[in-house]
Amino acid sequence: QVELVESGGGSVQSGGSLRLSCAVSGSRYKAYNPYCVGWFRRGTGKERVALARIDRDGYTRYADSVKGRFTISQDAAKTSLYLQMNNLKDEDTAMYFCASGEPGLWCRDRFSAADFGYWGQGTQVNVSS
């Protein structure tokens, strides 16, 4: 199993910043094995979409909608995942989730919700003008 717990959501004004955190653990999650973890969000009435992903070696991929504003990172122990969100816009309002792909696998072309089988419970981000 892989367990993920998000934190750091909240309310912020347009143009502001937030940093989301995700604690990653579980019997199948091994920091020395290949893995792929990422951040997704789901707006009201919308589907869950990928924002950013990172693998064990730090290779990243971003959605065009957040490129240059959001940064995904992980700590040295590979037990925490972060999403630094700058210049937030009203349309960034959503429930944000961290997720993990199957342990032991690299990201490769995986960048959709269907490619990630382990999910946190989500943390709400509200951006207002």
C-alpha atoms as a PDB file:
ATOM      1  CA  GLN A   1       0.000   0.000   0.000  1.00  0.00           C
ATOM      2  CA  VAL A   2       0.910   3.635  -0.487  1.00  0.00           C
ATOM      3  CA  GLU A   3      -0.630   6.224   1.788  1.00  0.00           C
ATOM      4  CA  LEU A   4      -0.793   9.920   1.051  1.00  0.00           C
ATOM      5  CA  VAL A   5      -1.990  12.751   3.253  1.00  0.00           C
ATOM      6  CA  GLU A   6      -2.271  16.306   1.954  1.00  0.00           C
ATOM      7  CA  SER A   7      -2.146  19.524   3.938  1.00  0.00           C
ATOM      8  CA  GLY A   8      -1.690  23.231   3.361  1.00  0.00           C
ATOM      9  CA  GLY A   9      -4.855  24.190   1.574  1.00  0.00           C
ATOM     10  CA  GLY A  10      -6.831  27.286   2.447  1.00  0.00           C
ATOM     11  CA  SER A  11      -8.130  30.587   1.183  1.00  0.00           C
ATOM     12  CA  VAL A  12      -5.937  33.154  -0.541  1.00  0.00           C
ATOM     13  CA  GLN A  13      -6.444  36.253  -2.622  1.00  0.00           C
ATOM     14  CA  SER A  14      -5.731  36.297  -6.319  1.00  0.00           C
ATOM     15  CA  GLY A  15      -2.018  36.816  -6.902  1.00  0.00           C
ATOM     16  CA  GLY A  16      -1.092  35.173  -3.637  1.00  0.00           C
ATOM     17  CA  SER A  17       0.808  31.972  -2.878  1.00  0.00           C
ATOM     18  CA  LEU A  18       0.220  28.688  -1.085  1.00  0.00           C
ATOM     19  CA  ARG A  19       2.386  25.650  -0.465  1.00  0.00           C
ATOM     20  CA  LEU A  20       0.749  22.263  -0.353  1.00  0.00           C
ATOM     21  CA  SER A  21       2.390  19.305   1.352  1.00  0.00           C
ATOM     22  CA  CYS A  22       1.822  15.595   0.995  1.00  0.00           C
ATOM     23  CA  ALA A  23       3.184  12.964   3.360  1.00  0.00           C
ATOM     24  CA  VAL A  24       3.936   9.744   1.472  1.00  0.00           C
ATOM     25  CA  SER A  25       4.292   6.404   3.243  1.00  0.00           C
ATOM     26  CA  GLY A  26       3.249   2.773   3.110  1.00  0.00           C
ATOM     27  CA  SER A  27       4.590  -0.729   2.955  1.00  0.00           C
ATOM     28  CA  ARG A  28       5.049  -0.690  -0.803  1.00  0.00           C
ATOM     29  CA  TYR A  29       6.544   2.769  -1.054  1.00  0.00           C
ATOM     30  CA  LYS A  30      10.331   2.581  -1.107  1.00  0.00           C
ATOM     31  CA  ALA A  31      12.325   5.735  -1.719  1.00  0.00           C
ATOM     32  CA  TYR A  32      15.158   3.753  -3.310  1.00  0.00           C
ATOM     33  CA  ASN A  33      12.891   2.154  -5.914  1.00  0.00           C
ATOM     34  CA  PRO A  34      11.479   3.921  -8.967  1.00  0.00           C
ATOM     35  CA  TYR A  35       8.264   5.795  -8.361  1.00  0.00           C
ATOM     36  CA  CYS A  36       6.111   8.527  -9.785  1.00  0.00           C
ATOM     37  CA  VAL A  37       4.099  10.943  -7.652  1.00  0.00           C
ATOM     38  CA  GLY A  38       2.121  13.970  -8.614  1.00  0.00           C
ATOM     39  CA  TRP A  39      -0.442  16.656  -7.895  1.00  0.00           C
ATOM     40  CA  PHE A  40      -3.912  16.840  -9.377  1.00  0.00           C
ATOM     41  CA  ARG A  41      -6.935  19.036  -8.861  1.00  0.00           C
ATOM     42  CA  ARG A  42     -10.653  18.851  -9.407  1.00  0.00           C
ATOM     43  CA  GLY A  43     -12.711  21.985  -9.776  1.00  0.00           C
ATOM     44  CA  THR A  44     -16.439  22.037  -9.072  1.00  0.00           C
ATOM     45  CA  GLY A  45     -18.197  20.068 -11.775  1.00  0.00           C
ATOM     46  CA  LYS A  46     -14.931  19.251 -13.508  1.00  0.00           C
ATOM     47  CA  GLU A  47     -12.791  16.178 -13.911  1.00  0.00           C
ATOM     48  CA  ARG A  48      -9.604  15.543 -11.999  1.00  0.00           C
ATOM     49  CA  VAL A  49      -6.647  16.880 -13.991  1.00  0.00           C
ATOM     50  CA  ALA A  50      -2.910  16.499 -13.651  1.00  0.00           C
ATOM     51  CA  LEU A  51      -0.880  19.533 -12.604  1.00  0.00           C
ATOM     52  CA  ALA A  52       2.631  18.247 -12.022  1.00  0.00           C
ATOM     53  CA  ARG A  53       4.501  15.037 -11.438  1.00  0.00           C
ATOM     54  CA  ILE A  54       7.974  14.067 -10.259  1.00  0.00           C
ATOM     55  CA  ASP A  55       9.897  10.821 -10.153  1.00  0.00           C
ATOM     56  CA  ARG A  56      12.469   9.429  -7.754  1.00  0.00           C
ATOM     57  CA  ASP A  57      15.316  11.178  -9.549  1.00  0.00           C
ATOM     58  CA  GLY A  58      13.598  14.557  -9.646  1.00  0.00           C
ATOM     59  CA  TYR A  59      12.454  14.665 -13.251  1.00  0.00           C
ATOM     60  CA  THR A  60       9.322  16.771 -13.525  1.00  0.00           C
ATOM     61  CA  ARG A  61       6.468  17.481 -15.892  1.00  0.00           C
ATOM     62  CA  TYR A  62       3.891  20.264 -15.667  1.00  0.00           C
ATOM     63  CA  ALA A  63       0.533  21.018 -17.181  1.00  0.00           C
ATOM     64  CA  ASP A  64       0.588  24.099 -19.409  1.00  0.00           C
ATOM     65  CA  SER A  65      -1.969  25.803 -17.178  1.00  0.00           C
ATOM     66  CA  VAL A  66       0.420  25.919 -14.222  1.00  0.00           C
ATOM     67  CA  LYS A  67       3.840  25.972 -15.871  1.00  0.00           C
ATOM     68  CA  GLY A  68       5.884  28.878 -14.524  1.00  0.00           C
ATOM     69  CA  ARG A  69       3.545  29.387 -11.545  1.00  0.00           C
ATOM     70  CA  PHE A  70       3.599  26.028  -9.724  1.00  0.00           C
ATOM     71  CA  THR A  71       6.644  24.035  -8.657  1.00  0.00           C
ATOM     72  CA  ILE A  72       6.637  20.414  -7.552  1.00  0.00           C
ATOM     73  CA  SER A  73       9.377  19.180  -5.260  1.00  0.00           C
ATOM     74  CA  GLN A  74      10.180  16.495  -2.717  1.00  0.00           C
ATOM     75  CA  ASP A  75      12.324  16.343   0.366  1.00  0.00           C
ATOM     76  CA  ALA A  76      15.643  14.505   0.497  1.00  0.00           C
ATOM     77  CA  ALA A  77      14.105  11.557   2.323  1.00  0.00           C
ATOM     78  CA  LYS A  78      11.474  11.259  -0.409  1.00  0.00           C
ATOM     79  CA  THR A  79       8.720  11.084   2.200  1.00  0.00           C
ATOM     80  CA  SER A  80       7.174  14.462   1.524  1.00  0.00           C
ATOM     81  CA  LEU A  81       5.901  15.957  -1.691  1.00  0.00           C
ATOM     82  CA  TYR A  82       5.271  19.665  -2.137  1.00  0.00           C
ATOM     83  CA  LEU A  83       3.484  21.966  -4.539  1.00  0.00           C
ATOM     84  CA  GLN A  84       4.481  25.615  -4.360  1.00  0.00           C
ATOM     85  CA  MET A  85       1.747  27.688  -5.990  1.00  0.00           C
ATOM     86  CA  ASN A  86       2.473  31.296  -6.901  1.00  0.00           C
ATOM     87  CA  ASN A  87       0.453  33.973  -8.656  1.00  0.00           C
ATOM     88  CA  LEU A  88      -2.751  32.118  -7.897  1.00  0.00           C
ATOM     89  CA  LYS A  89      -5.817  32.876  -9.990  1.00  0.00           C
ATOM     90  CA  ASP A  90      -9.518  32.491  -9.346  1.00  0.00           C
ATOM     91  CA  GLU A  91      -9.588  29.512 -11.695  1.00  0.00           C
ATOM     92  CA  ASP A  92      -7.098  27.680  -9.462  1.00  0.00           C
ATOM     93  CA  THR A  93      -9.890  27.172  -6.934  1.00  0.00           C
ATOM     94  CA  ALA A  94     -10.287  23.418  -6.579  1.00  0.00           C
ATOM     95  CA  MET A  95      -9.730  20.371  -4.423  1.00  0.00           C
ATOM     96  CA  TYR A  96      -6.074  19.399  -4.711  1.00  0.00           C
ATOM     97  CA  PHE A  97      -4.870  15.811  -4.465  1.00  0.00           C
ATOM     98  CA  CYS A  98      -1.506  14.132  -4.349  1.00  0.00           C
ATOM     99  CA  ALA A  99      -1.215  10.717  -5.914  1.00  0.00           C
ATOM    100  CA  SER A 100       1.223   7.924  -6.533  1.00  0.00           C
ATOM    101  CA  GLY A 101       1.624   5.602  -9.439  1.00  0.00           C
ATOM    102  CA  GLU A 102       2.364   1.931  -9.006  1.00  0.00           C
ATOM    103  CA  PRO A 103       5.470   1.545  -6.822  1.00  0.00           C
ATOM    104  CA  GLY A 104       8.494   0.395  -8.763  1.00  0.00           C
ATOM    105  CA  LEU A 105       7.514   2.141 -11.976  1.00  0.00           C
ATOM    106  CA  TRP A 106       8.911   5.321 -13.507  1.00  0.00           C
ATOM    107  CA  CYS A 107       6.621   8.084 -14.742  1.00  0.00           C
ATOM    108  CA  ARG A 108       7.344   7.613 -18.461  1.00  0.00           C
ATOM    109  CA  ASP A 109       4.267   9.060 -20.245  1.00  0.00           C
ATOM    110  CA  ARG A 110       1.949   8.773 -17.260  1.00  0.00           C
ATOM    111  CA  PHE A 111       0.170  12.075 -16.700  1.00  0.00           C
ATOM    112  CA  SER A 112      -3.491  11.354 -16.221  1.00  0.00           C
ATOM    113  CA  ALA A 113      -5.559  10.430 -13.200  1.00  0.00           C
ATOM    114  CA  ALA A 114      -6.069   6.924 -14.561  1.00  0.00           C
ATOM    115  CA  ASP A 115      -2.319   6.312 -14.369  1.00  0.00           C
ATOM    116  CA  PHE A 116      -2.192   6.879 -10.604  1.00  0.00           C
ATOM    117  CA  GLY A 117      -3.704   4.288  -8.310  1.00  0.00           C
ATOM    118  CA  TYR A 118      -3.063   5.735  -4.860  1.00  0.00           C
ATOM    119  CA  TRP A 119      -4.661   8.971  -3.702  1.00  0.00           C
ATOM    120  CA  GLY A 120      -4.835  11.258  -0.721  1.00  0.00           C
ATOM    121  CA  GLN A 121      -8.088  12.649   0.606  1.00  0.00           C
ATOM    122  CA  GLY A 122      -7.511  16.095  -0.887  1.00  0.00           C
ATOM    123  CA  THR A 123      -7.104  19.620   0.420  1.00  0.00           C
ATOM    124  CA  GLN A 124      -9.267  22.552  -0.673  1.00  0.00           C
ATOM    125  CA  VAL A 125      -7.789  25.698  -2.184  1.00  0.00           C
ATOM    126  CA  ASN A 126      -9.978  28.769  -2.626  1.00  0.00           C
ATOM    127  CA  VAL A 127      -8.721  31.776  -4.572  1.00  0.00           C
ATOM    128  CA  SER A 128     -10.758  34.955  -4.623  1.00  0.00           C
ATOM    129  CA  SER A 129     -10.313  38.346  -6.257  1.00  0.00           C
END
